[in-house]
Amino acid sequence: MRLELQSFTAAAGASIGYVDVGSGSPLVYVNGFGEDVSYANHLVERWSDSFRCVTFDHRGYGSSTTCRDSCVEQSARDLKTLLETLGIDDARLVGYSMGGSVAFSYVEQFGTEHIERLVLADTSPKLINEEDWTLGLWQGRYSRADFERDLATIENDPTLFHLSFYGRAATKTSHDDLIDFFPSYEDVEGWFNYVSELTGIRTSMLKRIFKFDYSDEMKQCERRYWASMTGGDWRNVLKDIDVPSLCLYADPGSFYYSATADYMACQIPNAEIRAIGNACHICPKENLVEFSSAISEFCSRSF
């Protein structure tokens, strides 16, 4: 399915690309870190038979023309502008990965205005794990030191950052698994070999896929997204989500695990949980049918 891109003008004159296809109740999908609307193509194709499907390019990605002010909070403001531009007051909002952070920031800034129900898909309200919190990224293992290291790597070696990011995202691990089977963080060749073995793609091809010759502006754009997403803490926002919500998680997972979804469902007044079985963080692609069907079923129900 070829997505027809349109654009709207957001704050500071930014041109933001979006897709609006299908008919019915509006289902608005917010992509994850580093993704543009093309990553949602397979989902939109499945949903557009039953819903009006809307998704958009975060600033700096796809057809959006600027990196200016890029961060999770700005993406939430761009989302509100898009909903108002399209006259959507009853969105079934789906936030996957960083899209979940955008959804949390939206609620923090605007409450649940224009939102009728919410899906939080394989995400967490706080990614950095600290003494009082062990339900964040890497199934409770991602530390503040990891965060600071990643911010530097995004600027200095974006290929290494994205390669290790994908390698961890695509590896099914349980919370109780040892994680020392990953290459050392700085071992670029080790990561290429690991991802090649994981995916069956030759390292020569991977080196073309994971070639990120970013401008300094784009490096700063990604750094701001990572800093605002990973450095955020939206735990106090959960109690303000006053619409029916679904906490969807990959099982056994790779980035998050069941306890994270359990926590969110306990904090959100009207929430339920559903697992995507035999899945990791890239479940929208690898578990397309189960992922898309779980969201369709929730967004179609009467409450």
Foldseek 3Di string as FASTA:
>chain_A
DDFDWDWDAAPPRWTKIKGWAAADAEEEEEDAAPDACVLCPLLCVVCRPHHGYMYIGFAPDDPTDHLPPFALLVVLRVVVVVCVVVVQFAYAYEQAESRLVSVLSNCVVPNQGSYQEYEYEAYFLAAAADPVDQFHWQARDHHVVNLVVLLVCLQVPVLLSVLVVVLLQADQDASPDDDVVQDDSVPSVSSLVSVCVSPVDDSVVVCVVSDDPDDNSSSVSSSNHSCRRNVGHSLVSLLSRQHEYEYEYEVSERTGHDVRSVSSQVNHPHYDYDYDYPDYSVCCPPVVVVVSVVSVVVVPDDD
